[in-house]
Amino acid sequence: MGAFDSEKTMFEIYRETQYTGLYKVVYYTELQDHNKDSEINHALAGEHYFDGFLKNFGKEDAKQLIDGILARLNSGECLKPEQIAAELSAHLA
């Protein structure tokens, strides 16, 4: 049984390529009108790395996992998208 669109959060992990080269995340379905365009433009200008949908149930735990993944990537650890999917598997919709 799949989650309804309103029960999941779309996200993308990308590498910022214009300034810092850091990996970042954007939660598209949580963007507000005041930051939507700039956040989407930053992600589009970056290098796509991983995306998916988080189940809204337990989403805060998933965000903590993503923060940890970003920290690892930004410290130079080589994580393949398949490894990220495995780490987030319980939270992906």
PDB file of N, CA and C in Angstrom:
ATOM      1  N   MET A   1       0.846  -1.175   0.000  1.00  0.00           N
ATOM      2  CA  MET A   1       0.000   0.000   0.000  1.00  0.00           C
ATOM      3  C   MET A   1       0.892   1.240   0.000  1.00  0.00           C
ATOM      4  N   GLY A   2       0.703   2.141  -0.944  1.00  0.00           N
ATOM      5  CA  GLY A   2       1.512   3.353  -1.044  1.00  0.00           C
ATOM      6  C   GLY A   2       0.912   4.486  -0.241  1.00  0.00           C
ATOM      7  N   ALA A   3       1.751   5.436   0.064  1.00  0.00           N
ATOM      8  CA  ALA A   3       1.297   6.609   0.807  1.00  0.00           C
ATOM      9  C   ALA A   3       0.622   7.581  -0.155  1.00  0.00           C
ATOM     10  N   PHE A   4      -0.365   8.283   0.329  1.00  0.00           N
ATOM     11  CA  PHE A   4      -0.972   9.341  -0.462  1.00  0.00           C
ATOM     12  C   PHE A   4       0.033  10.469  -0.594  1.00  0.00           C
ATOM     13  N   ASP A   5      -0.117  11.293  -1.631  1.00  0.00           N
ATOM     14  CA  ASP A   5       0.804  12.400  -1.847  1.00  0.00           C
ATOM     15  C   ASP A   5       0.910  13.298  -0.622  1.00  0.00           C
ATOM     16  N   SER A   6      -0.194  13.487   0.096  1.00  0.00           N
ATOM     17  CA  SER A   6      -0.185  14.370   1.254  1.00  0.00           C
ATOM     18  C   SER A   6       0.484  13.729   2.465  1.00  0.00           C
ATOM     19  N   GLU A   7       0.806  12.444   2.380  1.00  0.00           N
ATOM     20  CA  GLU A   7       1.404  11.739   3.508  1.00  0.00           C
ATOM     21  C   GLU A   7       2.897  11.515   3.322  1.00  0.00           C
ATOM     22  N   LYS A   8       3.506  12.222   2.367  1.00  0.00           N
ATOM     23  CA  LYS A   8       4.933  12.056   2.144  1.00  0.00           C
ATOM     24  C   LYS A   8       5.564  13.390   1.784  1.00  0.00           C
ATOM     25  N   THR A   9       6.875  13.441   1.963  1.00  0.00           N
ATOM     26  CA  THR A   9       7.632  14.663   1.717  1.00  0.00           C
ATOM     27  C   THR A   9       8.682  14.389   0.657  1.00  0.00           C
ATOM     28  N   MET A  10       8.651  15.151  -0.421  1.00  0.00           N
ATOM     29  CA  MET A  10       9.619  15.010  -1.504  1.00  0.00           C
ATOM     30  C   MET A  10      10.907  15.753  -1.123  1.00  0.00           C
ATOM     31  N   PHE A  11      12.049  15.080  -1.333  1.00  0.00           N
ATOM     32  CA  PHE A  11      13.330  15.698  -1.006  1.00  0.00           C
ATOM     33  C   PHE A  11      14.378  15.362  -2.047  1.00  0.00           C
ATOM     34  N   GLU A  12      15.461  16.145  -2.029  1.00  0.00           N
ATOM     35  CA  GLU A  12      16.600  15.889  -2.899  1.00  0.00           C
ATOM     36  C   GLU A  12      17.880  16.243  -2.165  1.00  0.00           C
ATOM     37  N   ILE A  13      18.854  15.352  -2.264  1.00  0.00           N
ATOM     38  CA  ILE A  13      20.211  15.646  -1.803  1.00  0.00           C
ATOM     39  C   ILE A  13      21.002  16.018  -3.055  1.00  0.00           C
ATOM     40  N   TYR A  14      21.688  17.140  -2.983  1.00  0.00           N
ATOM     41  CA  TYR A  14      22.466  17.611  -4.122  1.00  0.00           C
ATOM     42  C   TYR A  14      23.779  18.211  -3.631  1.00  0.00           C
ATOM     43  N   ARG A  15      24.728  18.332  -4.544  1.00  0.00           N
ATOM     44  CA  ARG A  15      25.994  18.988  -4.217  1.00  0.00           C
ATOM     45  C   ARG A  15      25.972  20.366  -4.839  1.00  0.00           C
ATOM     46  N   GLU A  16      26.174  21.357  -4.001  1.00  0.00           N
ATOM     47  CA  GLU A  16      26.211  22.748  -4.436  1.00  0.00           C
ATOM     48  C   GLU A  16      27.519  22.925  -5.214  1.00  0.00           C
ATOM     49  N   THR A  17      27.445  23.379  -6.449  1.00  0.00           N
ATOM     50  CA  THR A  17      28.628  23.413  -7.303  1.00  0.00           C
ATOM     51  C   THR A  17      29.161  24.812  -7.573  1.00  0.00           C
ATOM     52  N   GLN A  18      28.405  25.853  -7.243  1.00  0.00           N
ATOM     53  CA  GLN A  18      28.832  27.201  -7.597  1.00  0.00           C
ATOM     54  C   GLN A  18      29.761  27.835  -6.569  1.00  0.00           C
ATOM     55  N   TYR A  19      29.585  27.520  -5.290  1.00  0.00           N
ATOM     56  CA  TYR A  19      30.366  28.223  -4.272  1.00  0.00           C
ATOM     57  C   TYR A  19      31.119  27.270  -3.353  1.00  0.00           C
ATOM     58  N   THR A  20      30.387  26.487  -2.578  1.00  0.00           N
ATOM     59  CA  THR A  20      31.022  25.722  -1.504  1.00  0.00           C
ATOM     60  C   THR A  20      31.356  24.287  -1.860  1.00  0.00           C
ATOM     61  N   GLY A  21      30.626  23.697  -2.779  1.00  0.00           N
ATOM     62  CA  GLY A  21      30.824  22.289  -3.099  1.00  0.00           C
ATOM     63  C   GLY A  21      30.261  21.347  -2.056  1.00  0.00           C
ATOM     64  N   LEU A  22      29.488  21.883  -1.104  1.00  0.00           N
ATOM     65  CA  LEU A  22      28.918  21.064  -0.037  1.00  0.00           C
ATOM     66  C   LEU A  22      27.652  20.359  -0.497  1.00  0.00           C
ATOM     67  N   TYR A  23      27.397  19.224   0.121  1.00  0.00           N
ATOM     68  CA  TYR A  23      26.150  18.512  -0.105  1.00  0.00           C
ATOM     69  C   TYR A  23      25.067  19.151   0.757  1.00  0.00           C
ATOM     70  N   LYS A  24      23.892  19.289   0.177  1.00  0.00           N
ATOM     71  CA  LYS A  24      22.763  19.925   0.860  1.00  0.00           C
ATOM     72  C   LYS A  24      21.502  19.131   0.569  1.00  0.00           C
ATOM     73  N   VAL A  25      20.453  19.447   1.302  1.00  0.00           N
ATOM     74  CA  VAL A  25      19.158  18.815   1.073  1.00  0.00           C
ATOM     75  C   VAL A  25      18.095  19.898   0.939  1.00  0.00           C
ATOM     76  N   VAL A  26      17.132  19.632   0.095  1.00  0.00           N
ATOM     77  CA  VAL A  26      15.957  20.492  -0.004  1.00  0.00           C
ATOM     78  C   VAL A  26      14.735  19.592   0.134  1.00  0.00           C
ATOM     79  N   TYR A  27      13.802  20.025   0.968  1.00  0.00           N
ATOM     80  CA  TYR A  27      12.533  19.321   1.162  1.00  0.00           C
ATOM     81  C   TYR A  27      11.483  20.107   0.368  1.00  0.00           C
ATOM     82  N   TYR A  28      11.263  19.678  -0.853  1.00  0.00           N
ATOM     83  CA  TYR A  28      10.432  20.448  -1.781  1.00  0.00           C
ATOM     84  C   TYR A  28       9.028  20.697  -1.262  1.00  0.00           C
ATOM     85  N   THR A  29       8.407  19.711  -0.677  1.00  0.00           N
ATOM     86  CA  THR A  29       7.011  19.870  -0.274  1.00  0.00           C
ATOM     87  C   THR A  29       6.862  20.683   1.008  1.00  0.00           C
ATOM     88  N   GLU A  30       7.972  21.109   1.596  1.00  0.00           N
ATOM     89  CA  GLU A  30       7.905  21.966   2.781  1.00  0.00           C
ATOM     90  C   GLU A  30       8.252  23.417   2.472  1.00  0.00           C
ATOM     91  N   LEU A  31       8.572  23.713   1.222  1.00  0.00           N
ATOM     92  CA  LEU A  31       8.957  25.075   0.859  1.00  0.00           C
ATOM     93  C   LEU A  31       7.758  26.008   0.948  1.00  0.00           C
ATOM     94  N   GLN A  32       8.031  27.215   1.354  1.00  0.00           N
ATOM     95  CA  GLN A  32       7.015  28.261   1.436  1.00  0.00           C
ATOM     96  C   GLN A  32       7.190  29.193   0.239  1.00  0.00           C
ATOM     97  N   ASP A  33       6.202  30.019  -0.011  1.00  0.00           N
ATOM     98  CA  ASP A  33       6.274  30.931  -1.151  1.00  0.00           C
ATOM     99  C   ASP A  33       7.498  31.836  -1.096  1.00  0.00           C
ATOM    100  N   HIS A  34       7.915  32.271   0.100  1.00  0.00           N
ATOM    101  CA  HIS A  34       9.025  33.214   0.201  1.00  0.00           C
ATOM    102  C   HIS A  34      10.384  32.593  -0.122  1.00  0.00           C
ATOM    103  N   ASN A  35      10.525  31.258  -0.049  1.00  0.00           N
ATOM    104  CA  ASN A  35      11.825  30.652  -0.321  1.00  0.00           C
ATOM    105  C   ASN A  35      11.787  29.605  -1.425  1.00  0.00           C
ATOM    106  N   LYS A  36      10.630  29.384  -1.981  1.00  0.00           N
ATOM    107  CA  LYS A  36      10.464  28.305  -2.959  1.00  0.00           C
ATOM    108  C   LYS A  36      11.372  28.491  -4.172  1.00  0.00           C
ATOM    109  N   ASP A  37      11.324  29.643  -4.818  1.00  0.00           N
ATOM    110  CA  ASP A  37      12.090  29.848  -6.039  1.00  0.00           C
ATOM    111  C   ASP A  37      13.590  29.752  -5.799  1.00  0.00           C
ATOM    112  N   SER A  38      14.092  30.391  -4.748  1.00  0.00           N
ATOM    113  CA  SER A  38      15.540  30.379  -4.520  1.00  0.00           C
ATOM    114  C   SER A  38      16.043  28.986  -4.157  1.00  0.00           C
ATOM    115  N   GLU A  39      15.306  28.247  -3.345  1.00  0.00           N
ATOM    116  CA  GLU A  39      15.724  26.898  -2.971  1.00  0.00           C
ATOM    117  C   GLU A  39      15.706  25.951  -4.163  1.00  0.00           C
ATOM    118  N   ILE A  40      14.676  26.045  -4.975  1.00  0.00           N
ATOM    119  CA  ILE A  40      14.599  25.201  -6.174  1.00  0.00           C
ATOM    120  C   ILE A  40      15.722  25.558  -7.143  1.00  0.00           C
ATOM    121  N   ASN A  41      15.992  26.836  -7.315  1.00  0.00           N
ATOM    122  CA  ASN A  41      17.074  27.260  -8.211  1.00  0.00           C
ATOM    123  C   ASN A  41      18.434  26.777  -7.718  1.00  0.00           C
ATOM    124  N   HIS A  42      18.670  26.817  -6.399  1.00  0.00           N
ATOM    125  CA  HIS A  42      19.934  26.304  -5.852  1.00  0.00           C
ATOM    126  C   HIS A  42      20.077  24.814  -6.158  1.00  0.00           C
ATOM    127  N   ALA A  43      19.013  24.068  -5.949  1.00  0.00           N
ATOM    128  CA  ALA A  43      19.072  22.628  -6.197  1.00  0.00           C
ATOM    129  C   ALA A  43      19.277  22.339  -7.684  1.00  0.00           C
ATOM    130  N   LEU A  44      18.582  23.066  -8.548  1.00  0.00           N
ATOM    131  CA  LEU A  44      18.717  22.851  -9.988  1.00  0.00           C
ATOM    132  C   LEU A  44      20.117  23.209 -10.481  1.00  0.00           C
ATOM    133  N   ALA A  45      20.744  24.200  -9.865  1.00  0.00           N
ATOM    134  CA  ALA A  45      22.091  24.604 -10.263  1.00  0.00           C
ATOM    135  C   ALA A  45      23.144  23.621  -9.740  1.00  0.00           C
ATOM    136  N   GLY A  46      22.763  22.827  -8.747  1.00  0.00           N
ATOM    137  CA  GLY A  46      23.702  21.878  -8.158  1.00  0.00           C
ATOM    138  C   GLY A  46      23.733  20.564  -8.911  1.00  0.00           C
ATOM    139  N   GLU A  47      24.490  19.642  -8.361  1.00  0.00           N
ATOM    140  CA  GLU A  47      24.647  18.316  -8.948  1.00  0.00           C
ATOM    141  C   GLU A  47      23.768  17.334  -8.177  1.00  0.00           C
ATOM    142  N   HIS A  48      22.768  16.795  -8.835  1.00  0.00           N
ATOM    143  CA  HIS A  48      21.841  15.849  -8.205  1.00  0.00           C
ATOM    144  C   HIS A  48      22.601  14.649  -7.658  1.00  0.00           C
ATOM    145  N   TYR A  49      22.232  14.206  -6.446  1.00  0.00           N
ATOM    146  CA  TYR A  49      22.887  13.030  -5.877  1.00  0.00           C
ATOM    147  C   TYR A  49      21.893  11.936  -5.483  1.00  0.00           C
ATOM    148  N   PHE A  50      20.787  12.322  -4.841  1.00  0.00           N
ATOM    149  CA  PHE A  50      19.800  11.340  -4.398  1.00  0.00           C
ATOM    150  C   PHE A  50      18.480  12.063  -4.168  1.00  0.00           C
ATOM    151  N   ASP A  51      17.375  11.396  -4.456  1.00  0.00           N
ATOM    152  CA  ASP A  51      16.072  11.992  -4.152  1.00  0.00           C
ATOM    153  C   ASP A  51      15.089  10.899  -3.805  1.00  0.00           C
ATOM    154  N   GLY A  52      13.969  11.328  -3.270  1.00  0.00           N
ATOM    155  CA  GLY A  52      12.936  10.379  -2.921  1.00  0.00           C
ATOM    156  C   GLY A  52      11.820  11.050  -2.153  1.00  0.00           C
ATOM    157  N   PHE A  53      11.008  10.218  -1.556  1.00  0.00           N
ATOM    158  CA  PHE A  53       9.889  10.679  -0.740  1.00  0.00           C
ATOM    159  C   PHE A  53      10.020  10.052   0.644  1.00  0.00           C
ATOM    160  N   LEU A  54       9.891  10.874   1.673  1.00  0.00           N
ATOM    161  CA  LEU A  54       9.891  10.397   3.050  1.00  0.00           C
ATOM    162  C   LEU A  54       8.455  10.219   3.515  1.00  0.00           C
ATOM    163  N   LYS A  55       8.216   9.144   4.245  1.00  0.00           N
ATOM    164  CA  LYS A  55       6.919   8.995   4.900  1.00  0.00           C
ATOM    165  C   LYS A  55       6.818  10.100   5.945  1.00  0.00           C
ATOM    166  N   ASN A  56       5.667  10.727   6.043  1.00  0.00           N
ATOM    167  CA  ASN A  56       5.519  11.786   7.048  1.00  0.00           C
ATOM    168  C   ASN A  56       5.569  11.229   8.464  1.00  0.00           C
ATOM    169  N   PHE A  57       5.138   9.974   8.638  1.00  0.00           N
ATOM    170  CA  PHE A  57       5.248   9.346   9.954  1.00  0.00           C
ATOM    171  C   PHE A  57       6.726   9.024  10.186  1.00  0.00           C
ATOM    172  N   GLY A  58       7.323   9.622  11.206  1.00  0.00           N
ATOM    173  CA  GLY A  58       8.744   9.406  11.488  1.00  0.00           C
ATOM    174  C   GLY A  58       9.665  10.297  10.672  1.00  0.00           C
ATOM    175  N   LYS A  59       9.100  11.331  10.050  1.00  0.00           N
ATOM    176  CA  LYS A  59       9.883  12.204   9.173  1.00  0.00           C
ATOM    177  C   LYS A  59      11.025  12.902   9.906  1.00  0.00           C
ATOM    178  N   GLU A  60      10.814  13.293  11.151  1.00  0.00           N
ATOM    179  CA  GLU A  60      11.874  13.991  11.889  1.00  0.00           C
ATOM    180  C   GLU A  60      13.070  13.071  12.126  1.00  0.00           C
ATOM    181  N   ASP A  61      12.822  11.793  12.373  1.00  0.00           N
ATOM    182  CA  ASP A  61      13.917  10.831  12.500  1.00  0.00           C
ATOM    183  C   ASP A  61      14.665  10.704  11.178  1.00  0.00           C
ATOM    184  N   ALA A  62      13.929  10.675  10.085  1.00  0.00           N
ATOM    185  CA  ALA A  62      14.545  10.581   8.761  1.00  0.00           C
ATOM    186  C   ALA A  62      15.400  11.807   8.470  1.00  0.00           C
ATOM    187  N   LYS A  63      14.909  12.982   8.866  1.00  0.00           N
ATOM    188  CA  LYS A  63      15.681  14.213   8.652  1.00  0.00           C
ATOM    189  C   LYS A  63      16.986  14.183   9.436  1.00  0.00           C
ATOM    190  N   GLN A  64      16.957  13.612  10.625  1.00  0.00           N
ATOM    191  CA  GLN A  64      18.194  13.481  11.401  1.00  0.00           C
ATOM    192  C   GLN A  64      19.168  12.543  10.701  1.00  0.00           C
ATOM    193  N   LEU A  65      18.653  11.458  10.143  1.00  0.00           N
ATOM    194  CA  LEU A  65      19.505  10.549   9.375  1.00  0.00           C
ATOM    195  C   LEU A  65      20.106  11.268   8.163  1.00  0.00           C
ATOM    196  N   ILE A  66      19.292  12.053   7.470  1.00  0.00           N
ATOM    197  CA  ILE A  66      19.787  12.801   6.313  1.00  0.00           C
ATOM    198  C   ILE A  66      20.851  13.798   6.730  1.00  0.00           C
ATOM    199  N   ASP A  67      20.644  14.484   7.854  1.00  0.00           N
ATOM    200  CA  ASP A  67      21.666  15.412   8.358  1.00  0.00           C
ATOM    201  C   ASP A  67      22.984  14.682   8.601  1.00  0.00           C
ATOM    202  N   GLY A  68      22.902  13.481   9.148  1.00  0.00           N
ATOM    203  CA  GLY A  68      24.105  12.683   9.378  1.00  0.00           C
ATOM    204  C   GLY A  68      24.762  12.259   8.074  1.00  0.00           C
ATOM    205  N   ILE A  69      23.957  11.905   7.090  1.00  0.00           N
ATOM    206  CA  ILE A  69      24.480  11.536   5.776  1.00  0.00           C
ATOM    207  C   ILE A  69      25.181  12.728   5.140  1.00  0.00           C
ATOM    208  N   LEU A  70      24.574  13.912   5.237  1.00  0.00           N
ATOM    209  CA  LEU A  70      25.201  15.118   4.692  1.00  0.00           C
ATOM    210  C   LEU A  70      26.534  15.399   5.379  1.00  0.00           C
ATOM    211  N   ALA A  71      26.573  15.252   6.694  1.00  0.00           N
ATOM    212  CA  ALA A  71      27.816  15.480   7.436  1.00  0.00           C
ATOM    213  C   ALA A  71      28.903  14.515   6.964  1.00  0.00           C
ATOM    214  N   ARG A  72      28.528  13.272   6.761  1.00  0.00           N
ATOM    215  CA  ARG A  72      29.496  12.280   6.288  1.00  0.00           C
ATOM    216  C   ARG A  72      29.985  12.609   4.880  1.00  0.00           C
ATOM    217  N   LEU A  73      29.066  12.957   3.987  1.00  0.00           N
ATOM    218  CA  LEU A  73      29.451  13.322   2.626  1.00  0.00           C
ATOM    219  C   LEU A  73      30.355  14.553   2.627  1.00  0.00           C
ATOM    220  N   ASN A  74      29.990  15.546   3.441  1.00  0.00           N
ATOM    221  CA  ASN A  74      30.757  16.792   3.479  1.00  0.00           C
ATOM    222  C   ASN A  74      32.107  16.638   4.163  1.00  0.00           C
ATOM    223  N   SER A  75      32.285  15.554   4.916  1.00  0.00           N
ATOM    224  CA  SER A  75      33.591  15.304   5.526  1.00  0.00           C
ATOM    225  C   SER A  75      34.463  14.443   4.617  1.00  0.00           C
ATOM    226  N   GLY A  76      33.947  14.096   3.436  1.00  0.00           N
ATOM    227  CA  GLY A  76      34.738  13.371   2.455  1.00  0.00           C
ATOM    228  C   GLY A  76      34.423  11.901   2.318  1.00  0.00           C
ATOM    229  N   GLU A  77      33.486  11.385   3.118  1.00  0.00           N
ATOM    230  CA  GLU A  77      33.129   9.973   3.000  1.00  0.00           C
ATOM    231  C   GLU A  77      32.423   9.737   1.663  1.00  0.00           C
ATOM    232  N   CYS A  78      32.759   8.650   1.035  1.00  0.00           N
ATOM    233  CA  CYS A  78      32.148   8.294  -0.252  1.00  0.00           C
ATOM    234  C   CYS A  78      30.958   7.378   0.003  1.00  0.00           C
ATOM    235  N   LEU A  79      29.772   7.928  -0.102  1.00  0.00           N
ATOM    236  CA  LEU A  79      28.541   7.157   0.042  1.00  0.00           C
ATOM    237  C   LEU A  79      27.866   7.079  -1.315  1.00  0.00           C
ATOM    238  N   LYS A  80      27.577   5.884  -1.754  1.00  0.00           N
ATOM    239  CA  LYS A  80      26.864   5.706  -3.014  1.00  0.00           C
ATOM    240  C   LYS A  80      25.367   5.901  -2.762  1.00  0.00           C
ATOM    241  N   PRO A  81      24.634   6.330  -3.785  1.00  0.00           N
ATOM    242  CA  PRO A  81      23.184   6.485  -3.628  1.00  0.00           C
ATOM    243  C   PRO A  81      22.506   5.214  -3.107  1.00  0.00           C
ATOM    244  N   GLU A  82      23.006   4.047  -3.491  1.00  0.00           N
ATOM    245  CA  GLU A  82      22.422   2.792  -3.008  1.00  0.00           C
ATOM    246  C   GLU A  82      22.583   2.659  -1.487  1.00  0.00           C
ATOM    247  N   GLN A  83      23.715   3.139  -0.966  1.00  0.00           N
ATOM    248  CA  GLN A  83      23.938   3.098   0.479  1.00  0.00           C
ATOM    249  C   GLN A  83      22.987   4.053   1.199  1.00  0.00           C
ATOM    250  N   ILE A  84      22.759   5.200   0.610  1.00  0.00           N
ATOM    251  CA  ILE A  84      21.823   6.167   1.195  1.00  0.00           C
ATOM    252  C   ILE A  84      20.427   5.576   1.207  1.00  0.00           C
ATOM    253  N   ALA A  85      20.030   4.959   0.105  1.00  0.00           N
ATOM    254  CA  ALA A  85      18.706   4.321   0.036  1.00  0.00           C
ATOM    255  C   ALA A  85      18.568   3.257   1.101  1.00  0.00           C
ATOM    256  N   ALA A  86      19.621   2.471   1.315  1.00  0.00           N
ATOM    257  CA  ALA A  86      19.564   1.424   2.338  1.00  0.00           C
ATOM    258  C   ALA A  86      19.422   2.019   3.733  1.00  0.00           C
ATOM    259  N   GLU A  87      20.169   3.107   4.008  1.00  0.00           N
ATOM    260  CA  GLU A  87      20.095   3.728   5.329  1.00  0.00           C
ATOM    261  C   GLU A  87      18.744   4.364   5.594  1.00  0.00           C
ATOM    262  N   LEU A  88      18.105   4.851   4.537  1.00  0.00           N
ATOM    263  CA  LEU A  88      16.811   5.519   4.685  1.00  0.00           C
ATOM    264  C   LEU A  88      15.631   4.605   4.400  1.00  0.00           C
ATOM    265  N   SER A  89      15.873   3.346   4.110  1.00  0.00           N
ATOM    266  CA  SER A  89      14.832   2.451   3.606  1.00  0.00           C
ATOM    267  C   SER A  89      13.571   2.416   4.484  1.00  0.00           C
ATOM    268  N   ALA A  90      13.735   2.450   5.784  1.00  0.00           N
ATOM    269  CA  ALA A  90      12.566   2.390   6.674  1.00  0.00           C
ATOM    270  C   ALA A  90      11.724   3.673   6.609  1.00  0.00           C
ATOM    271  N   HIS A  91      12.303   4.741   6.059  1.00  0.00           N
ATOM    272  CA  HIS A  91      11.622   6.033   6.037  1.00  0.00           C
ATOM    273  C   HIS A  91      11.148   6.446   4.650  1.00  0.00           C
ATOM    274  N   LEU A  92      11.551   5.697   3.631  1.00  0.00           N
ATOM    275  CA  LEU A  92      11.172   6.075   2.264  1.00  0.00           C
ATOM    276  C   LEU A  92       9.770   5.591   1.928  1.00  0.00           C
ATOM    277  N   ALA A  93       9.019   6.469   1.270  1.00  0.00           N
ATOM    278  CA  ALA A  93       7.648   6.122   0.864  1.00  0.00           C
ATOM    279  C   ALA A  93       7.658   5.408  -0.470  1.00  0.00           C
TER     280      ALA A  93
END
